[in-house]
């Protein structure tokens, strides 16, 4: 006869009560800022930051502008 192992215990704890999760699907407001964290090579970071500074825009503005160009190019 094969033994069946007991279920493994997790450290997650008990799930929240249904009354605690009724309003957890709201979206952030359009103006709310969220972190966008990813790593890039140091040389790319220097070049990106320098380009933004030379042209008087923030790195966020440069990223947004580049993303808009990619979306237009790819027809998104």
PDB file of N, CA and C in Angstrom:
ATOM      1  N   UNK A   1       0.842  -1.175   0.000  1.00  0.00           N
ATOM      2  CA  UNK A   1       0.000   0.000   0.000  1.00  0.00           C
ATOM      3  C   UNK A   1       0.894   1.247   0.000  1.00  0.00           C
ATOM      4  N   UNK A   2       0.553   2.277  -0.793  1.00  0.00           N
ATOM      5  CA  UNK A   2       1.333   3.503  -0.904  1.00  0.00           C
ATOM      6  C   UNK A   2       0.890   4.499   0.156  1.00  0.00           C
ATOM      7  N   UNK A   3       1.869   5.060   0.844  1.00  0.00           N
ATOM      8  CA  UNK A   3       1.537   6.080   1.839  1.00  0.00           C
ATOM      9  C   UNK A   3       1.343   7.425   1.148  1.00  0.00           C
ATOM     10  N   UNK A   4       0.369   8.155   1.586  1.00  0.00           N
ATOM     11  CA  UNK A   4       0.115   9.498   1.062  1.00  0.00           C
ATOM     12  C   UNK A   4       0.646  10.493   2.088  1.00  0.00           C
ATOM     13  N   UNK A   5       1.510  11.368   1.628  1.00  0.00           N
ATOM     14  CA  UNK A   5       2.102  12.354   2.528  1.00  0.00           C
ATOM     15  C   UNK A   5       1.054  13.380   2.937  1.00  0.00           C
ATOM     16  N   UNK A   6       1.129  13.874   4.157  1.00  0.00           N
ATOM     17  CA  UNK A   6       0.185  14.919   4.577  1.00  0.00           C
ATOM     18  C   UNK A   6       0.455  16.200   3.800  1.00  0.00           C
ATOM     19  N   UNK A   7      -0.549  17.053   3.661  1.00  0.00           N
ATOM     20  CA  UNK A   7      -0.341  18.304   2.916  1.00  0.00           C
ATOM     21  C   UNK A   7       0.716  19.162   3.603  1.00  0.00           C
ATOM     22  N   UNK A   8       1.513  19.841   2.786  1.00  0.00           N
ATOM     23  CA  UNK A   8       2.545  20.709   3.347  1.00  0.00           C
ATOM     24  C   UNK A   8       1.908  21.987   3.872  1.00  0.00           C
ATOM     25  N   UNK A   9       2.417  22.442   4.948  1.00  0.00           N
ATOM     26  CA  UNK A   9       1.913  23.668   5.564  1.00  0.00           C
ATOM     27  C   UNK A   9       2.632  24.867   4.945  1.00  0.00           C
ATOM     28  N   UNK A  10       1.907  25.944   4.774  1.00  0.00           N
ATOM     29  CA  UNK A  10       2.503  27.175   4.263  1.00  0.00           C
ATOM     30  C   UNK A  10       2.518  28.210   5.367  1.00  0.00           C
ATOM     31  N   UNK A  11       3.253  29.252   5.161  1.00  0.00           N
ATOM     32  CA  UNK A  11       3.332  30.333   6.141  1.00  0.00           C
ATOM     33  C   UNK A  11       2.441  31.499   5.761  1.00  0.00           C
ATOM     34  N   UNK A  12       1.542  31.272   4.859  1.00  0.00           N
ATOM     35  CA  UNK A  12       0.691  32.358   4.379  1.00  0.00           C
ATOM     36  C   UNK A  12      -0.365  32.777   5.389  1.00  0.00           C
ATOM     37  N   UNK A  13      -0.736  31.914   6.271  1.00  0.00           N
ATOM     38  CA  UNK A  13      -1.781  32.239   7.229  1.00  0.00           C
ATOM     39  C   UNK A  13      -3.154  32.026   6.630  1.00  0.00           C
ATOM     40  N   UNK A  14      -4.145  32.429   7.348  1.00  0.00           N
ATOM     41  CA  UNK A  14      -5.512  32.237   6.873  1.00  0.00           C
ATOM     42  C   UNK A  14      -5.884  33.340   5.895  1.00  0.00           C
ATOM     43  N   UNK A  15      -6.738  33.035   4.946  1.00  0.00           N
ATOM     44  CA  UNK A  15      -7.152  34.060   3.993  1.00  0.00           C
ATOM     45  C   UNK A  15      -8.020  35.113   4.688  1.00  0.00           C
ATOM     46  N   UNK A  16      -8.092  36.326   4.124  1.00  0.00           N
ATOM     47  CA  UNK A  16      -8.922  37.368   4.724  1.00  0.00           C
ATOM     48  C   UNK A  16     -10.400  37.020   4.607  1.00  0.00           C
ATOM     49  N   UNK A  17     -11.168  37.578   5.498  1.00  0.00           N
ATOM     50  CA  UNK A  17     -12.615  37.374   5.466  1.00  0.00           C
ATOM     51  C   UNK A  17     -13.185  38.064   4.219  1.00  0.00           C
ATOM     52  N   UNK A  18     -14.264  37.525   3.641  1.00  0.00           N
ATOM     53  CA  UNK A  18     -14.862  38.155   2.451  1.00  0.00           C
ATOM     54  C   UNK A  18     -15.187  39.633   2.642  1.00  0.00           C
ATOM     55  N   UNK A  19     -15.562  40.025   3.846  1.00  0.00           N
ATOM     56  CA  UNK A  19     -15.897  41.437   4.085  1.00  0.00           C
ATOM     57  C   UNK A  19     -14.668  42.340   3.982  1.00  0.00           C
ATOM     58  N   UNK A  20     -13.476  41.783   4.133  1.00  0.00           N
ATOM     59  CA  UNK A  20     -12.251  42.573   4.059  1.00  0.00           C
ATOM     60  C   UNK A  20     -11.772  42.809   2.633  1.00  0.00           C
ATOM     61  N   UNK A  21     -12.292  42.077   1.667  1.00  0.00           N
ATOM     62  CA  UNK A  21     -11.797  42.181   0.299  1.00  0.00           C
ATOM     63  C   UNK A  21     -12.857  42.669  -0.686  1.00  0.00           C
ATOM     64  N   UNK A  22     -13.902  43.257  -0.206  1.00  0.00           N
ATOM     65  CA  UNK A  22     -14.963  43.725  -1.088  1.00  0.00           C
ATOM     66  C   UNK A  22     -14.521  44.861  -1.989  1.00  0.00           C
ATOM     67  N   UNK A  23     -13.617  45.707  -1.516  1.00  0.00           N
ATOM     68  CA  UNK A  23     -13.228  46.884  -2.287  1.00  0.00           C
ATOM     69  C   UNK A  23     -11.748  46.836  -2.669  1.00  0.00           C
ATOM     70  N   UNK A  24     -11.271  45.688  -3.133  1.00  0.00           N
ATOM     71  CA  UNK A  24      -9.852  45.585  -3.456  1.00  0.00           C
ATOM     72  C   UNK A  24      -9.561  45.581  -4.953  1.00  0.00           C
ATOM     73  N   UNK A  25     -10.541  45.913  -5.763  1.00  0.00           N
ATOM     74  CA  UNK A  25     -10.345  45.888  -7.206  1.00  0.00           C
ATOM     75  C   UNK A  25     -10.332  47.283  -7.834  1.00  0.00           C
ATOM     76  N   UNK A  26     -10.196  48.328  -7.017  1.00  0.00           N
ATOM     77  CA  UNK A  26     -10.190  49.679  -7.574  1.00  0.00           C
ATOM     78  C   UNK A  26      -8.887  49.933  -8.320  1.00  0.00           C
ATOM     79  N   UNK A  27      -8.959  50.758  -9.328  1.00  0.00           N
ATOM     80  CA  UNK A  27      -7.772  51.111 -10.099  1.00  0.00           C
ATOM     81  C   UNK A  27      -7.204  52.423  -9.566  1.00  0.00           C
ATOM     82  N   UNK A  28      -5.917  52.604  -9.783  1.00  0.00           N
ATOM     83  CA  UNK A  28      -5.281  53.854  -9.390  1.00  0.00           C
ATOM     84  C   UNK A  28      -5.816  54.977 -10.255  1.00  0.00           C
ATOM     85  N   UNK A  29      -5.802  56.167  -9.710  1.00  0.00           N
ATOM     86  CA  UNK A  29      -6.199  57.343 -10.479  1.00  0.00           C
ATOM     87  C   UNK A  29      -5.183  57.579 -11.583  1.00  0.00           C
ATOM     88  N   UNK A  30      -5.598  58.239 -12.638  1.00  0.00           N
ATOM     89  CA  UNK A  30      -4.734  58.461 -13.800  1.00  0.00           C
ATOM     90  C   UNK A  30      -3.461  59.225 -13.421  1.00  0.00           C
ATOM     91  N   UNK A  31      -3.530  60.134 -12.469  1.00  0.00           N
ATOM     92  CA  UNK A  31      -2.375  60.940 -12.095  1.00  0.00           C
ATOM     93  C   UNK A  31      -1.482  60.300 -11.052  1.00  0.00           C
ATOM     94  N   UNK A  32      -1.926  59.179 -10.467  1.00  0.00           N
ATOM     95  CA  UNK A  32      -1.110  58.517  -9.453  1.00  0.00           C
ATOM     96  C   UNK A  32       0.157  57.958 -10.080  1.00  0.00           C
ATOM     97  N   UNK A  33       1.257  58.081  -9.362  1.00  0.00           N
ATOM     98  CA  UNK A  33       2.528  57.563  -9.858  1.00  0.00           C
ATOM     99  C   UNK A  33       2.808  56.209  -9.208  1.00  0.00           C
ATOM    100  N   UNK A  34       3.281  55.283 -10.016  1.00  0.00           N
ATOM    101  CA  UNK A  34       3.650  53.953  -9.552  1.00  0.00           C
ATOM    102  C   UNK A  34       5.111  53.719  -9.918  1.00  0.00           C
ATOM    103  N   UNK A  35       5.861  53.027  -9.070  1.00  0.00           N
ATOM    104  CA  UNK A  35       7.254  52.759  -9.410  1.00  0.00           C
ATOM    105  C   UNK A  35       7.360  51.761 -10.559  1.00  0.00           C
ATOM    106  N   UNK A  36       8.327  51.981 -11.410  1.00  0.00           N
ATOM    107  CA  UNK A  36       8.620  51.079 -12.514  1.00  0.00           C
ATOM    108  C   UNK A  36      10.081  50.706 -12.358  1.00  0.00           C
ATOM    109  N   UNK A  37      10.324  49.579 -11.736  1.00  0.00           N
ATOM    110  CA  UNK A  37      11.698  49.223 -11.381  1.00  0.00           C
ATOM    111  C   UNK A  37      12.238  48.115 -12.268  1.00  0.00           C
ATOM    112  N   UNK A  38      13.343  48.421 -12.922  1.00  0.00           N
ATOM    113  CA  UNK A  38      14.052  47.418 -13.696  1.00  0.00           C
ATOM    114  C   UNK A  38      15.498  47.857 -13.793  1.00  0.00           C
ATOM    115  N   UNK A  39      16.358  46.919 -14.050  1.00  0.00           N
ATOM    116  CA  UNK A  39      17.795  47.207 -14.113  1.00  0.00           C
ATOM    117  C   UNK A  39      18.246  47.314 -15.561  1.00  0.00           C
ATOM    118  N   UNK A  40      19.149  48.242 -15.792  1.00  0.00           N
ATOM    119  CA  UNK A  40      19.753  48.434 -17.110  1.00  0.00           C
ATOM    120  C   UNK A  40      21.266  48.496 -16.914  1.00  0.00           C
ATOM    121  N   UNK A  41      22.028  48.234 -17.959  1.00  0.00           N
ATOM    122  CA  UNK A  41      23.486  48.347 -17.840  1.00  0.00           C
ATOM    123  C   UNK A  41      23.902  49.779 -17.475  1.00  0.00           C
ATOM    124  N   UNK A  42      24.983  49.904 -16.723  1.00  0.00           N
ATOM    125  CA  UNK A  42      25.450  51.211 -16.249  1.00  0.00           C
ATOM    126  C   UNK A  42      25.693  52.179 -17.396  1.00  0.00           C
ATOM    127  N   UNK A  43      26.279  51.710 -18.490  1.00  0.00           N
ATOM    128  CA  UNK A  43      26.560  52.593 -19.629  1.00  0.00           C
ATOM    129  C   UNK A  43      25.267  53.123 -20.243  1.00  0.00           C
ATOM    130  N   UNK A  44      24.240  52.269 -20.362  1.00  0.00           N
ATOM    131  CA  UNK A  44      22.949  52.717 -20.888  1.00  0.00           C
ATOM    132  C   UNK A  44      22.355  53.769 -19.967  1.00  0.00           C
ATOM    133  N   UNK A  45      22.443  53.548 -18.657  1.00  0.00           N
ATOM    134  CA  UNK A  45      21.896  54.507 -17.687  1.00  0.00           C
ATOM    135  C   UNK A  45      22.578  55.861 -17.828  1.00  0.00           C
ATOM    136  N   UNK A  46      23.922  55.856 -17.937  1.00  0.00           N
ATOM    137  CA  UNK A  46      24.655  57.122 -18.106  1.00  0.00           C
ATOM    138  C   UNK A  46      24.233  57.844 -19.379  1.00  0.00           C
ATOM    139  N   UNK A  47      24.135  57.085 -20.474  1.00  0.00           N
ATOM    140  CA  UNK A  47      23.760  57.683 -21.757  1.00  0.00           C
ATOM    141  C   UNK A  47      22.332  58.222 -21.718  1.00  0.00           C
ATOM    142  N   UNK A  48      21.418  57.460 -21.138  1.00  0.00           N
ATOM    143  CA  UNK A  48      20.013  57.870 -21.044  1.00  0.00           C
ATOM    144  C   UNK A  48      19.876  59.132 -20.195  1.00  0.00           C
ATOM    145  N   UNK A  49      20.550  59.126 -19.039  1.00  0.00           N
ATOM    146  CA  UNK A  49      20.480  60.273 -18.132  1.00  0.00           C
ATOM    147  C   UNK A  49      21.107  61.522 -18.764  1.00  0.00           C
ATOM    148  N   UNK A  50      22.240  61.341 -19.424  1.00  0.00           N
ATOM    149  CA  UNK A  50      22.908  62.471 -20.079  1.00  0.00           C
ATOM    150  C   UNK A  50      22.036  63.027 -21.201  1.00  0.00           C
ATOM    151  N   UNK A  51      21.438  62.159 -21.991  1.00  0.00           N
ATOM    152  CA  UNK A  51      20.580  62.601 -23.089  1.00  0.00           C
ATOM    153  C   UNK A  51      19.400  63.419 -22.540  1.00  0.00           C
ATOM    154  N   UNK A  52      18.788  62.932 -21.472  1.00  0.00           N
ATOM    155  CA  UNK A  52      17.668  63.659 -20.864  1.00  0.00           C
ATOM    156  C   UNK A  52      18.128  65.034 -20.370  1.00  0.00           C
ATOM    157  N   UNK A  53      19.282  65.077 -19.711  1.00  0.00           N
ATOM    158  CA  UNK A  53      19.789  66.343 -19.172  1.00  0.00           C
ATOM    159  C   UNK A  53      20.140  67.329 -20.288  1.00  0.00           C
ATOM    160  N   UNK A  54      20.797  66.851 -21.330  1.00  0.00           N
ATOM    161  CA  UNK A  54      21.182  67.721 -22.448  1.00  0.00           C
ATOM    162  C   UNK A  54      19.952  68.342 -23.098  1.00  0.00           C
ATOM    163  N   UNK A  55      18.884  67.575 -23.196  1.00  0.00           N
ATOM    164  CA  UNK A  55      17.668  68.048 -23.851  1.00  0.00           C
ATOM    165  C   UNK A  55      16.665  68.674 -22.886  1.00  0.00           C
ATOM    166  N   UNK A  56      17.032  68.782 -21.617  1.00  0.00           N
ATOM    167  CA  UNK A  56      16.206  69.477 -20.633  1.00  0.00           C
ATOM    168  C   UNK A  56      14.897  68.779 -20.294  1.00  0.00           C
ATOM    169  N   UNK A  57      14.899  67.462 -20.335  1.00  0.00           N
ATOM    170  CA  UNK A  57      13.696  66.702 -19.958  1.00  0.00           C
ATOM    171  C   UNK A  57      14.078  65.730 -18.854  1.00  0.00           C
ATOM    172  N   UNK A  58      13.080  65.292 -18.118  1.00  0.00           N
ATOM    173  CA  UNK A  58      13.352  64.301 -17.084  1.00  0.00           C
ATOM    174  C   UNK A  58      13.509  62.929 -17.731  1.00  0.00           C
ATOM    175  N   UNK A  59      14.093  62.019 -16.993  1.00  0.00           N
ATOM    176  CA  UNK A  59      14.226  60.655 -17.491  1.00  0.00           C
ATOM    177  C   UNK A  59      12.849  60.025 -17.698  1.00  0.00           C
ATOM    178  N   UNK A  60      11.900  60.375 -16.858  1.00  0.00           N
ATOM    179  CA  UNK A  60      10.534  59.851 -17.006  1.00  0.00           C
ATOM    180  C   UNK A  60       9.913  60.375 -18.295  1.00  0.00           C
ATOM    181  N   UNK A  61      10.087  61.664 -18.569  1.00  0.00           N
ATOM    182  CA  UNK A  61       9.549  62.228 -19.815  1.00  0.00           C
ATOM    183  C   UNK A  61      10.169  61.563 -21.038  1.00  0.00           C
ATOM    184  N   UNK A  62      11.480  61.329 -20.980  1.00  0.00           N
ATOM    185  CA  UNK A  62      12.168  60.678 -22.094  1.00  0.00           C
ATOM    186  C   UNK A  62      11.653  59.254 -22.290  1.00  0.00           C
ATOM    187  N   UNK A  63      11.452  58.537 -21.214  1.00  0.00           N
ATOM    188  CA  UNK A  63      10.914  57.180 -21.299  1.00  0.00           C
ATOM    189  C   UNK A  63       9.502  57.184 -21.886  1.00  0.00           C
ATOM    190  N   UNK A  64       8.671  58.098 -21.407  1.00  0.00           N
ATOM    191  CA  UNK A  64       7.295  58.194 -21.936  1.00  0.00           C
ATOM    192  C   UNK A  64       7.293  58.519 -23.429  1.00  0.00           C
ATOM    193  N   UNK A  65       8.127  59.479 -23.818  1.00  0.00           N
ATOM    194  CA  UNK A  65       8.192  59.867 -25.228  1.00  0.00           C
ATOM    195  C   UNK A  65       8.650  58.695 -26.091  1.00  0.00           C
ATOM    196  N   UNK A  66       9.670  57.996 -25.636  1.00  0.00           N
ATOM    197  CA  UNK A  66      10.147  56.831 -26.375  1.00  0.00           C
ATOM    198  C   UNK A  66       9.092  55.746 -26.467  1.00  0.00           C
ATOM    199  N   UNK A  67       8.365  55.520 -25.388  1.00  0.00           N
ATOM    200  CA  UNK A  67       7.316  54.506 -25.391  1.00  0.00           C
ATOM    201  C   UNK A  67       6.209  54.881 -26.373  1.00  0.00           C
ATOM    202  N   UNK A  68       5.837  56.155 -26.407  1.00  0.00           N
ATOM    203  CA  UNK A  68       4.809  56.610 -27.363  1.00  0.00           C
ATOM    204  C   UNK A  68       5.275  56.392 -28.798  1.00  0.00           C
ATOM    205  N   UNK A  69       6.549  56.665 -29.070  1.00  0.00           N
ATOM    206  CA  UNK A  69       7.081  56.450 -30.424  1.00  0.00           C
ATOM    207  C   UNK A  69       7.034  54.973 -30.806  1.00  0.00           C
ATOM    208  N   UNK A  70       7.385  54.111 -29.886  1.00  0.00           N
ATOM    209  CA  UNK A  70       7.345  52.660 -30.156  1.00  0.00           C
ATOM    210  C   UNK A  70       5.923  52.214 -30.429  1.00  0.00           C
ATOM    211  N   UNK A  71       4.973  52.699 -29.632  1.00  0.00           N
ATOM    212  CA  UNK A  71       3.573  52.304 -29.840  1.00  0.00           C
ATOM    213  C   UNK A  71       3.084  52.743 -31.218  1.00  0.00           C
ATOM    214  N   UNK A  72       3.436  53.967 -31.640  1.00  0.00           N
ATOM    215  CA  UNK A  72       3.017  54.447 -32.972  1.00  0.00           C
ATOM    216  C   UNK A  72       3.674  53.629 -34.073  1.00  0.00           C
ATOM    217  N   UNK A  73       4.939  53.327 -33.896  1.00  0.00           N
ATOM    218  CA  UNK A  73       5.677  52.563 -34.900  1.00  0.00           C
ATOM    219  C   UNK A  73       5.090  51.158 -35.068  1.00  0.00           C
ATOM    220  N   UNK A  74       4.687  50.556 -33.974  1.00  0.00           N
ATOM    221  CA  UNK A  74       4.155  49.187 -34.018  1.00  0.00           C
ATOM    222  C   UNK A  74       2.651  49.133 -34.208  1.00  0.00           C
ATOM    223  N   UNK A  75       2.023  50.296 -34.300  1.00  0.00           N
ATOM    224  CA  UNK A  75       0.582  50.348 -34.534  1.00  0.00           C
ATOM    225  C   UNK A  75      -0.255  49.913 -33.349  1.00  0.00           C
ATOM    226  N   UNK A  76       0.190  50.227 -32.167  1.00  0.00           N
ATOM    227  CA  UNK A  76      -0.547  49.846 -30.956  1.00  0.00           C
ATOM    228  C   UNK A  76      -1.471  50.961 -30.503  1.00  0.00           C
TER     229      UNK A  76
END
